[in-house]
C-alpha atoms as a PDB file:
ATOM      1  CA  MET A   1      21.982 -46.674  -9.471  1.00  0.00           C
ATOM      2  CA  LEU A   2      20.057 -45.228  -6.516  1.00  0.00           C
ATOM      3  CA  PHE A   3      22.161 -42.071  -6.733  1.00  0.00           C
ATOM      4  CA  SER A   4      21.341 -41.603 -10.419  1.00  0.00           C
ATOM      5  CA  ARG A   5      17.626 -42.151  -9.805  1.00  0.00           C
ATOM      6  CA  ARG A   6      17.666 -39.413  -7.211  1.00  0.00           C
ATOM      7  CA  TRP A   7      19.198 -37.064  -9.738  1.00  0.00           C
ATOM      8  CA  LEU A   8      16.480 -37.999 -12.231  1.00  0.00           C
ATOM      9  CA  LEU A   9      13.783 -37.371  -9.635  1.00  0.00           C
ATOM     10  CA  ALA A  10      15.203 -34.015  -8.547  1.00  0.00           C
ATOM     11  CA  PRO A  11      13.838 -31.952 -11.479  1.00  0.00           C
ATOM     12  CA  ALA A  12      10.392 -33.451 -10.969  1.00  0.00           C
ATOM     13  CA  LEU A  13      10.506 -32.621  -7.281  1.00  0.00           C
ATOM     14  CA  LEU A  14      11.399 -29.021  -8.124  1.00  0.00           C
ATOM     15  CA  VAL A  15       8.744 -28.687 -10.814  1.00  0.00           C
ATOM     16  CA  LEU A  16       5.904 -29.972  -8.634  1.00  0.00           C
ATOM     17  CA  PRO A  17       5.926 -27.032  -6.167  1.00  0.00           C
ATOM     18  CA  LEU A  18       6.117 -24.581  -9.091  1.00  0.00           C
ATOM     19  CA  LEU A  19       3.124 -26.242 -10.725  1.00  0.00           C
ATOM     20  CA  LEU A  20       1.221 -25.978  -7.460  1.00  0.00           C
ATOM     21  CA  VAL A  21       2.034 -22.252  -7.224  1.00  0.00           C
ATOM     22  CA  VAL A  22       0.952 -21.674 -10.832  1.00  0.00           C
ATOM     23  CA  ALA A  23      -2.244 -23.651 -10.264  1.00  0.00           C
ATOM     24  CA  ASN A  24      -2.967 -21.636  -7.126  1.00  0.00           C
ATOM     25  CA  GLU A  25      -2.435 -18.334  -8.948  1.00  0.00           C
ATOM     26  CA  TYR A  26      -4.686 -19.486 -11.790  1.00  0.00           C
ATOM     27  CA  ALA A  27      -7.399 -20.459  -9.336  1.00  0.00           C
ATOM     28  CA  THR A  28      -7.025 -17.085  -7.635  1.00  0.00           C
ATOM     29  CA  ALA A  29      -7.069 -15.180 -10.934  1.00  0.00           C
ATOM     30  CA  ARG A  30     -10.216 -16.794 -12.302  1.00  0.00           C
ATOM     31  CA  PRO A  31     -12.662 -14.943  -9.997  1.00  0.00           C
ATOM     32  CA  SER A  32     -11.053 -11.569 -10.834  1.00  0.00           C
ATOM     33  CA  ARG A  33     -10.755  -9.321 -13.861  1.00  0.00           C
ATOM     34  CA  ARG A  34      -7.583  -7.274 -14.308  1.00  0.00           C
ATOM     35  CA  THR A  35      -7.543  -4.031 -16.272  1.00  0.00           C
ATOM     36  CA  GLN A  36      -3.913  -3.092 -16.751  1.00  0.00           C
ATOM     37  CA  ASP A  37      -1.942   0.142 -17.203  1.00  0.00           C
ATOM     38  CA  VAL A  38      -4.758   2.655 -16.867  1.00  0.00           C
ATOM     39  CA  ALA A  39      -3.414   6.211 -16.847  1.00  0.00           C
ATOM     40  CA  TYR A  40      -4.576   8.219 -13.847  1.00  0.00           C
ATOM     41  CA  VAL A  41      -2.854  11.414 -15.012  1.00  0.00           C
ATOM     42  CA  PRO A  42      -3.810  12.849 -18.418  1.00  0.00           C
ATOM     43  CA  ALA A  43      -1.177  12.358 -21.109  1.00  0.00           C
ATOM     44  CA  THR A  44      -1.462  16.098 -21.779  1.00  0.00           C
ATOM     45  CA  ASP A  45      -0.213  16.911 -18.269  1.00  0.00           C
ATOM     46  CA  PRO A  46       3.364  18.302 -18.432  1.00  0.00           C
ATOM     47  CA  ALA A  47       4.381  15.986 -15.576  1.00  0.00           C
ATOM     48  CA  PHE A  48       2.869  12.842 -17.163  1.00  0.00           C
ATOM     49  CA  ASP A  49       5.067   9.752 -16.848  1.00  0.00           C
ATOM     50  CA  ALA A  50       3.846   6.904 -19.048  1.00  0.00           C
ATOM     51  CA  GLU A  51       5.416   4.253 -16.810  1.00  0.00           C
ATOM     52  CA  ARG A  52       4.711   5.640 -13.359  1.00  0.00           C
ATOM     53  CA  HIS A  53       1.336   7.397 -13.733  1.00  0.00           C
ATOM     54  CA  VAL A  54      -0.545   4.162 -14.350  1.00  0.00           C
ATOM     55  CA  LEU A  55      -2.513   1.701 -12.257  1.00  0.00           C
ATOM     56  CA  ASP A  56      -4.150  -1.720 -12.481  1.00  0.00           C
ATOM     57  CA  VAL A  57      -7.707  -2.477 -11.404  1.00  0.00           C
ATOM     58  CA  TYR A  58      -8.654  -5.930 -10.104  1.00  0.00           C
ATOM     59  CA  ALA A  59     -12.414  -6.393  -9.968  1.00  0.00           C
ATOM     60  CA  PRO A  60     -14.486  -9.415  -8.940  1.00  0.00           C
ATOM     61  CA  ARG A  61     -16.005 -11.118 -11.981  1.00  0.00           C
ATOM     62  CA  GLN A  62     -19.181 -11.909 -10.095  1.00  0.00           C
ATOM     63  CA  LYS A  63     -21.698  -9.096 -10.279  1.00  0.00           C
ATOM     64  CA  ALA A  64     -23.130  -7.888  -6.983  1.00  0.00           C
ATOM     65  CA  ALA A  65     -26.387  -6.218  -6.036  1.00  0.00           C
ATOM     66  CA  ALA A  66     -24.421  -3.279  -4.621  1.00  0.00           C
ATOM     67  CA  PRO A  67     -21.035  -1.842  -5.670  1.00  0.00           C
ATOM     68  CA  TYR A  68     -17.978  -3.388  -4.040  1.00  0.00           C
ATOM     69  CA  PRO A  69     -15.718  -1.562  -1.563  1.00  0.00           C
ATOM     70  CA  VAL A  70     -12.454  -0.258  -2.998  1.00  0.00           C
ATOM     71  CA  VAL A  71      -8.874  -0.549  -1.712  1.00  0.00           C
ATOM     72  CA  VAL A  72      -6.048   1.459  -3.298  1.00  0.00           C
ATOM     73  CA  PHE A  73      -2.726  -0.338  -2.682  1.00  0.00           C
ATOM     74  CA  ILE A  74       0.567   1.614  -2.628  1.00  0.00           C
ATOM     75  CA  HIS A  75       3.788  -0.374  -2.979  1.00  0.00           C
ATOM     76  CA  GLY A  76       6.954   0.134  -0.951  1.00  0.00           C
ATOM     77  CA  GLY A  77      10.584   0.254  -2.019  1.00  0.00           C
ATOM     78  CA  SER A  78      12.447   2.933  -0.037  1.00  0.00           C
ATOM     79  CA  TRP A  79      10.867   5.665  -2.189  1.00  0.00           C
ATOM     80  CA  ASN A  80      13.275   4.790  -5.033  1.00  0.00           C
ATOM     81  CA  SER A  81      12.082   1.418  -6.336  1.00  0.00           C
ATOM     82  CA  GLY A  82       9.062  -0.859  -6.668  1.00  0.00           C
ATOM     83  CA  ASN A  83       6.413  -1.548  -9.269  1.00  0.00           C
ATOM     84  CA  LYS A  84       2.717  -2.384  -9.224  1.00  0.00           C
ATOM     85  CA  ASN A  85       3.397  -5.481 -11.335  1.00  0.00           C
ATOM     86  CA  PHE A  86       5.101  -7.156  -8.354  1.00  0.00           C
ATOM     87  CA  TYR A  87       1.864  -6.962  -6.372  1.00  0.00           C
ATOM     88  CA  SER A  88      -0.689  -8.597  -8.627  1.00  0.00           C
ATOM     89  CA  PHE A  89      -1.211 -11.165  -5.869  1.00  0.00           C
ATOM     90  CA  VAL A  90      -2.591  -8.403  -3.631  1.00  0.00           C
ATOM     91  CA  GLY A  91      -5.060  -7.320  -6.292  1.00  0.00           C
ATOM     92  CA  ARG A  92      -6.134 -10.892  -7.029  1.00  0.00           C
ATOM     93  CA  ARG A  93      -6.702 -11.810  -3.411  1.00  0.00           C
ATOM     94  CA  LEU A  94      -8.672  -8.684  -2.659  1.00  0.00           C
ATOM     95  CA  ALA A  95     -10.868  -9.174  -5.729  1.00  0.00           C
ATOM     96  CA  LYS A  96     -11.482 -12.802  -4.802  1.00  0.00           C
ATOM     97  CA  GLN A  97     -12.807 -11.602  -1.454  1.00  0.00           C
ATOM     98  CA  GLY A  98     -15.238  -9.063  -2.863  1.00  0.00           C
ATOM     99  CA  VAL A  99     -13.093  -5.921  -3.036  1.00  0.00           C
ATOM    100  CA  VAL A 100     -12.167  -3.843  -6.076  1.00  0.00           C
ATOM    101  CA  ALA A 101      -8.406  -3.368  -5.794  1.00  0.00           C
ATOM    102  CA  VAL A 102      -6.488  -0.504  -7.393  1.00  0.00           C
ATOM    103  CA  VAL A 103      -2.727  -1.191  -7.436  1.00  0.00           C
ATOM    104  CA  ILE A 104      -0.757   1.877  -8.437  1.00  0.00           C
ATOM    105  CA  ASN A 105       2.615   3.081  -9.630  1.00  0.00           C
ATOM    106  CA  TYR A 106       3.924   6.506  -8.662  1.00  0.00           C
ATOM    107  CA  ARG A 107       7.054   8.460  -9.528  1.00  0.00           C
ATOM    108  CA  LEU A 108      10.213   7.613  -7.600  1.00  0.00           C
ATOM    109  CA  SER A 109      13.444   9.174  -6.348  1.00  0.00           C
ATOM    110  CA  PRO A 110      15.739  10.601  -7.634  1.00  0.00           C
ATOM    111  CA  LYS A 111      13.387  11.824 -10.364  1.00  0.00           C
ATOM    112  CA  VAL A 112      11.054  13.380  -7.781  1.00  0.00           C
ATOM    113  CA  GLU A 113      10.931  13.814  -4.012  1.00  0.00           C
ATOM    114  CA  VAL A 114       8.314  12.525  -1.584  1.00  0.00           C
ATOM    115  CA  PRO A 115       5.908  15.502  -1.835  1.00  0.00           C
ATOM    116  CA  ALA A 116       5.474  14.724  -5.544  1.00  0.00           C
ATOM    117  CA  MET A 117       5.017  11.019  -4.740  1.00  0.00           C
ATOM    118  CA  ALA A 118       2.256  11.883  -2.276  1.00  0.00           C
ATOM    119  CA  ASP A 119       0.604  14.053  -4.915  1.00  0.00           C
ATOM    120  CA  ASP A 120       0.763  11.173  -7.406  1.00  0.00           C
ATOM    121  CA  CYS A 121      -0.921   8.848  -4.912  1.00  0.00           C
ATOM    122  CA  ALA A 122      -3.602  11.457  -4.235  1.00  0.00           C
ATOM    123  CA  ARG A 123      -4.239  11.803  -7.960  1.00  0.00           C
ATOM    124  CA  ALA A 124      -4.676   8.015  -8.212  1.00  0.00           C
ATOM    125  CA  VAL A 125      -7.264   8.167  -5.424  1.00  0.00           C
ATOM    126  CA  VAL A 126      -9.032  11.056  -7.169  1.00  0.00           C
ATOM    127  CA  TRP A 127      -9.108   8.963 -10.364  1.00  0.00           C
ATOM    128  CA  ALA A 128     -10.719   6.145  -8.369  1.00  0.00           C
ATOM    129  CA  THR A 129     -13.439   8.446  -7.028  1.00  0.00           C
ATOM    130  CA  GLU A 130     -14.274   9.453 -10.605  1.00  0.00           C
ATOM    131  CA  HIS A 131     -13.979   6.125 -12.431  1.00  0.00           C
ATOM    132  CA  ILE A 132     -14.205   3.165 -10.075  1.00  0.00           C
ATOM    133  CA  ARG A 133     -17.943   2.714 -10.628  1.00  0.00           C
ATOM    134  CA  GLU A 134     -17.033   1.572 -14.150  1.00  0.00           C
ATOM    135  CA  TYR A 135     -15.330  -1.439 -12.523  1.00  0.00           C
ATOM    136  CA  GLY A 136     -18.077  -2.219 -10.015  1.00  0.00           C
ATOM    137  CA  GLY A 137     -16.551  -0.267  -7.131  1.00  0.00           C
ATOM    138  CA  ASN A 138     -18.156   2.145  -4.687  1.00  0.00           C
ATOM    139  CA  PRO A 139     -16.295   5.487  -4.466  1.00  0.00           C
ATOM    140  CA  GLN A 140     -18.056   6.143  -1.165  1.00  0.00           C
ATOM    141  CA  ARG A 141     -16.311   3.090   0.353  1.00  0.00           C
ATOM    142  CA  LEU A 142     -12.720   3.838  -0.618  1.00  0.00           C
ATOM    143  CA  PHE A 143      -9.744   2.790   1.527  1.00  0.00           C
ATOM    144  CA  VAL A 144      -5.960   2.988   1.186  1.00  0.00           C
ATOM    145  CA  MET A 145      -3.369   0.339   1.984  1.00  0.00           C
ATOM    146  CA  GLY A 146       0.408   0.223   1.731  1.00  0.00           C
ATOM    147  CA  HIS A 147       3.553  -1.571   2.835  1.00  0.00           C
ATOM    148  CA  SER A 148       6.778   0.123   3.986  1.00  0.00           C
ATOM    149  CA  ALA A 149       7.170   3.442   2.111  1.00  0.00           C
ATOM    150  CA  GLY A 150       3.738   2.794   0.651  1.00  0.00           C
ATOM    151  CA  GLY A 151       2.356   2.462   4.157  1.00  0.00           C
ATOM    152  CA  GLY A 152       3.709   5.873   5.070  1.00  0.00           C
ATOM    153  CA  LEU A 153       2.165   7.376   1.941  1.00  0.00           C
ATOM    154  CA  ALA A 154      -1.166   5.666   2.665  1.00  0.00           C
ATOM    155  CA  ALA A 155      -1.149   7.108   6.191  1.00  0.00           C
ATOM    156  CA  LEU A 156      -0.382  10.574   4.840  1.00  0.00           C
ATOM    157  CA  LEU A 157      -3.257  10.375   2.353  1.00  0.00           C
ATOM    158  CA  ALA A 158      -5.662   9.443   5.129  1.00  0.00           C
ATOM    159  CA  ALA A 159      -4.398  12.195   7.457  1.00  0.00           C
ATOM    160  CA  ASP A 160      -3.578  15.197   5.260  1.00  0.00           C
ATOM    161  CA  ASN A 161      -6.725  16.619   3.654  1.00  0.00           C
ATOM    162  CA  ARG A 162      -4.701  19.246   1.798  1.00  0.00           C
ATOM    163  CA  LEU A 163      -3.534  16.620  -0.698  1.00  0.00           C
ATOM    164  CA  PHE A 164      -7.096  16.358  -1.988  1.00  0.00           C
ATOM    165  CA  GLU A 165      -8.004  20.017  -1.624  1.00  0.00           C
ATOM    166  CA  ARG A 166      -5.143  20.782  -4.021  1.00  0.00           C
ATOM    167  CA  ARG A 167      -6.758  18.389  -6.498  1.00  0.00           C
ATOM    168  CA  GLY A 168     -10.210  19.897  -6.283  1.00  0.00           C
ATOM    169  CA  LEU A 169     -11.899  17.720  -3.650  1.00  0.00           C
ATOM    170  CA  SER A 170     -13.495  19.551  -0.748  1.00  0.00           C
ATOM    171  CA  GLN A 171     -13.454  16.398   1.407  1.00  0.00           C
ATOM    172  CA  ASN A 172     -10.942  13.618   1.894  1.00  0.00           C
ATOM    173  CA  PRO A 173     -12.530  10.570   0.179  1.00  0.00           C
ATOM    174  CA  ILE A 174     -10.601   7.977   2.218  1.00  0.00           C
ATOM    175  CA  LYS A 175     -12.694   6.015   4.703  1.00  0.00           C
ATOM    176  CA  GLY A 176      -9.862   4.064   6.331  1.00  0.00           C
ATOM    177  CA  ALA A 177      -6.169   3.149   6.097  1.00  0.00           C
ATOM    178  CA  ILE A 178      -4.467  -0.240   6.378  1.00  0.00           C
ATOM    179  CA  LEU A 179      -0.755   0.101   7.167  1.00  0.00           C
ATOM    180  CA  ASP A 180       1.537  -2.911   6.714  1.00  0.00           C
ATOM    181  CA  ASP A 181       4.879  -2.265   8.471  1.00  0.00           C
ATOM    182  CA  PRO A 182       4.741   1.417   7.475  1.00  0.00           C
ATOM    183  CA  ALA A 183       7.862   3.541   6.976  1.00  0.00           C
ATOM    184  CA  GLY A 184       8.036   7.314   6.988  1.00  0.00           C
ATOM    185  CA  LEU A 185       5.415   8.114   9.615  1.00  0.00           C
ATOM    186  CA  ASP A 186       7.768  10.538  11.402  1.00  0.00           C
ATOM    187  CA  MET A 187      10.611  11.495   9.103  1.00  0.00           C
ATOM    188  CA  LEU A 188      11.262  14.733  10.998  1.00  0.00           C
ATOM    189  CA  ASP A 189      12.492  12.719  13.963  1.00  0.00           C
ATOM    190  CA  TYR A 190      14.203  10.095  11.808  1.00  0.00           C
ATOM    191  CA  LEU A 191      16.194  12.455   9.592  1.00  0.00           C
ATOM    192  CA  THR A 192      17.019  14.823  12.439  1.00  0.00           C
ATOM    193  CA  LYS A 193      18.682  12.018  14.404  1.00  0.00           C
ATOM    194  CA  LEU A 194      20.272   9.991  11.555  1.00  0.00           C
ATOM    195  CA  GLU A 195      21.064   7.343  14.150  1.00  0.00           C
ATOM    196  CA  TYR A 196      21.168   4.244  11.929  1.00  0.00           C
ATOM    197  CA  PRO A 197      23.777   3.232   9.316  1.00  0.00           C
ATOM    198  CA  HIS A 198      23.239   4.666   5.822  1.00  0.00           C
ATOM    199  CA  ASP A 199      20.387   6.956   6.922  1.00  0.00           C
ATOM    200  CA  GLU A 200      21.795   9.698   4.703  1.00  0.00           C
ATOM    201  CA  GLN A 201      20.407   7.883   1.645  1.00  0.00           C
ATOM    202  CA  TYR A 202      16.920   9.071   2.594  1.00  0.00           C
ATOM    203  CA  LEU A 203      17.960  12.686   2.197  1.00  0.00           C
ATOM    204  CA  ILE A 204      17.673  12.046  -1.554  1.00  0.00           C
ATOM    205  CA  PRO A 205      13.908  11.347  -1.633  1.00  0.00           C
ATOM    206  CA  TYR A 206      13.154  13.669   1.305  1.00  0.00           C
ATOM    207  CA  GLY A 207      15.524  16.552   0.603  1.00  0.00           C
ATOM    208  CA  LYS A 208      17.334  18.521   3.284  1.00  0.00           C
ATOM    209  CA  GLN A 209      14.602  20.784   4.654  1.00  0.00           C
ATOM    210  CA  PRO A 210      13.198  19.760   8.089  1.00  0.00           C
ATOM    211  CA  ALA A 211       9.966  21.596   7.286  1.00  0.00           C
ATOM    212  CA  VAL A 212       9.437  19.223   4.358  1.00  0.00           C
ATOM    213  CA  TRP A 213      10.248  16.158   6.483  1.00  0.00           C
ATOM    214  CA  LYS A 214       7.502  17.189   8.886  1.00  0.00           C
ATOM    215  CA  ASP A 215       5.054  18.158   6.166  1.00  0.00           C
ATOM    216  CA  VAL A 216       5.074  14.688   4.574  1.00  0.00           C
ATOM    217  CA  SER A 217       4.946  12.746   7.860  1.00  0.00           C
ATOM    218  CA  ALA A 218       1.480  11.477   8.754  1.00  0.00           C
ATOM    219  CA  LEU A 219       2.146  11.753  12.487  1.00  0.00           C
ATOM    220  CA  TYR A 220       1.838  15.553  12.302  1.00  0.00           C
ATOM    221  CA  HIS A 221      -1.461  15.573  10.413  1.00  0.00           C
ATOM    222  CA  VAL A 222      -3.702  13.018  12.123  1.00  0.00           C
ATOM    223  CA  THR A 223      -6.648  14.485  13.999  1.00  0.00           C
ATOM    224  CA  ALA A 224      -9.718  13.135  15.731  1.00  0.00           C
ATOM    225  CA  ALA A 225     -11.501  13.533  12.392  1.00  0.00           C
ATOM    226  CA  ALA A 226      -9.133  11.098  10.643  1.00  0.00           C
ATOM    227  CA  PRO A 227     -10.611   7.842   9.324  1.00  0.00           C
ATOM    228  CA  PRO A 228      -9.970   4.526  11.140  1.00  0.00           C
ATOM    229  CA  PHE A 229      -6.480   3.030  11.006  1.00  0.00           C
ATOM    230  CA  LEU A 230      -5.382  -0.604  11.012  1.00  0.00           C
ATOM    231  CA  VAL A 231      -1.673  -0.867  11.811  1.00  0.00           C
ATOM    232  CA  PHE A 232       0.294  -4.110  11.462  1.00  0.00           C
ATOM    233  CA  ILE A 233       3.991  -4.382  12.271  1.00  0.00           C
ATOM    234  CA  GLY A 234       6.408  -7.278  12.368  1.00  0.00           C
ATOM    235  CA  GLY A 235       7.723  -8.388  15.733  1.00  0.00           C
ATOM    236  CA  GLU A 236      11.235  -8.305  14.236  1.00  0.00           C
ATOM    237  CA  THR A 237      10.852  -5.208  12.079  1.00  0.00           C
ATOM    238  CA  TYR A 238      13.235  -2.250  12.055  1.00  0.00           C
ATOM    239  CA  PRO A 239      13.340  -0.240  15.314  1.00  0.00           C
ATOM    240  CA  SER A 240      12.480   2.963  13.452  1.00  0.00           C
ATOM    241  CA  ILE A 241       9.287   1.425  12.045  1.00  0.00           C
ATOM    242  CA  ARG A 242       8.323  -0.027  15.414  1.00  0.00           C
ATOM    243  CA  ASN A 243       8.938   3.267  17.218  1.00  0.00           C
ATOM    244  CA  SER A 244       7.155   5.531  14.733  1.00  0.00           C
ATOM    245  CA  SER A 245       4.191   3.138  14.488  1.00  0.00           C
ATOM    246  CA  ARG A 246       3.848   3.185  18.268  1.00  0.00           C
ATOM    247  CA  LYS A 247       4.016   6.984  18.240  1.00  0.00           C
ATOM    248  CA  LEU A 248       1.179   7.080  15.726  1.00  0.00           C
ATOM    249  CA  GLU A 249      -0.810   4.672  17.877  1.00  0.00           C
ATOM    250  CA  GLN A 250      -0.307   6.800  20.986  1.00  0.00           C
ATOM    251  CA  LYS A 251      -1.260  10.011  19.199  1.00  0.00           C
ATOM    252  CA  LEU A 252      -4.462   8.443  17.890  1.00  0.00           C
ATOM    253  CA  ILE A 253      -5.270   7.145  21.372  1.00  0.00           C
ATOM    254  CA  THR A 254      -4.725  10.645  22.784  1.00  0.00           C
ATOM    255  CA  LEU A 255      -7.121  11.977  20.153  1.00  0.00           C
ATOM    256  CA  GLY A 256      -9.739   9.461  21.294  1.00  0.00           C
ATOM    257  CA  HIS A 257      -9.339   7.602  18.006  1.00  0.00           C
ATOM    258  CA  PRO A 258      -7.377   4.408  18.835  1.00  0.00           C
ATOM    259  CA  PRO A 259      -6.302   2.253  15.888  1.00  0.00           C
ATOM    260  CA  LEU A 260      -6.344  -1.513  15.715  1.00  0.00           C
ATOM    261  CA  PHE A 261      -2.651  -2.216  16.358  1.00  0.00           C
ATOM    262  CA  THR A 262      -1.345  -5.735  15.703  1.00  0.00           C
ATOM    263  CA  VAL A 263       2.170  -7.155  16.056  1.00  0.00           C
ATOM    264  CA  LEU A 264       2.918 -10.284  14.017  1.00  0.00           C
ATOM    265  CA  PRO A 265       5.451 -12.204  16.130  1.00  0.00           C
ATOM    266  CA  GLY A 266       8.739 -13.147  14.491  1.00  0.00           C
ATOM    267  CA  LYS A 267       8.092 -11.286  11.230  1.00  0.00           C
ATOM    268  CA  LYS A 268      10.760  -9.049   9.711  1.00  0.00           C
ATOM    269  CA  HIS A 269      10.085  -6.091   7.441  1.00  0.00           C
ATOM    270  CA  ALA A 270      10.139  -7.693   3.978  1.00  0.00           C
ATOM    271  CA  PRO A 271       8.135 -10.793   4.968  1.00  0.00           C
ATOM    272  CA  MET A 272       5.355  -8.524   6.218  1.00  0.00           C
ATOM    273  CA  VAL A 273       4.229  -7.797   2.651  1.00  0.00           C
ATOM    274  CA  LEU A 274       4.389 -11.516   1.855  1.00  0.00           C
ATOM    275  CA  GLN A 275       1.677 -12.037   4.447  1.00  0.00           C
ATOM    276  CA  LEU A 276      -0.645 -10.616   1.811  1.00  0.00           C
ATOM    277  CA  TYR A 277      -0.040 -13.664  -0.371  1.00  0.00           C
ATOM    278  CA  TRP A 278      -2.329 -15.678   1.918  1.00  0.00           C
ATOM    279  CA  LYS A 279      -5.955 -14.613   1.673  1.00  0.00           C
ATOM    280  CA  ASP A 280      -6.765 -15.900   5.172  1.00  0.00           C
ATOM    281  CA  ASN A 281      -4.001 -13.826   6.768  1.00  0.00           C
ATOM    282  CA  VAL A 282      -4.988 -11.675   9.754  1.00  0.00           C
ATOM    283  CA  ILE A 283      -4.354  -8.506   7.710  1.00  0.00           C
ATOM    284  CA  TYR A 284      -7.053  -9.466   5.218  1.00  0.00           C
ATOM    285  CA  GLN A 285      -9.345 -10.628   8.006  1.00  0.00           C
ATOM    286  CA  GLU A 286      -9.265  -7.233   9.691  1.00  0.00           C
ATOM    287  CA  LEU A 287      -9.291  -5.352   6.381  1.00  0.00           C
ATOM    288  CA  LEU A 288     -12.497  -7.089   5.320  1.00  0.00           C
ATOM    289  CA  LYS A 289     -14.149  -6.208   8.636  1.00  0.00           C
ATOM    290  CA  MET A 290     -13.284  -2.562   8.026  1.00  0.00           C
ATOM    291  CA  VAL A 291     -14.297  -2.244   4.374  1.00  0.00           C
ATOM    292  CA  ARG A 292     -17.542  -4.183   4.740  1.00  0.00           C
END
């Protein structure tokens, strides 16, 4: 009889945590307003992709005396996968803490290579500079954030002013970059060595030209004029991410522009993005200091 009662209790024990998660997400969602699937590339553009050239805006419901700071979040996924819809929790938590969040899609490999992905991300930022006031955001306080491949793209946006010059902006609008276990900071070194198993797969999104590998690696574009960087890596992340992140740190230090560099002990690569589920996480703590 005791055995059967345990079996009867088991579904209830499984449902309770799910209900708590749903309740938590509802409580988090209430202070924010989500505007979904906004196109940041005109539908008349020959390159327009109805699925990938869209973004979501998460804005605080509470009106403020002054416009809110803005964070554009770029997802990871090895440059061949990922979707903004997986990261609604990032948008909700930022909005709850007084930030207008823009969570974007961008085109992926094998349809395009990384230079086109970087251009997509730049176009999303340009859209934000033109439209974010409509959502209560301040285009003069615009920051970028990304995990993994998205972290590498965020770093490139902050460092390479040409991405915005090509899109008609005389100045880079990004005021700071938050990198969460970033990949792709130095793909020239990475793809030249090919020292880890299955590295050849990255020749699909990056192509086979070393000049391109260098051109889309943030390490080769940062200058003393670059905006502030926050860099977070997992203590158990991939060696390539650890090494390239340290190289970026050292270059910024040499330029007299040291970043805030934080190692989260025991964290592997994938769990680093899950840190953003918790609004009191150190990444949000330091992000809020920067954007405010």
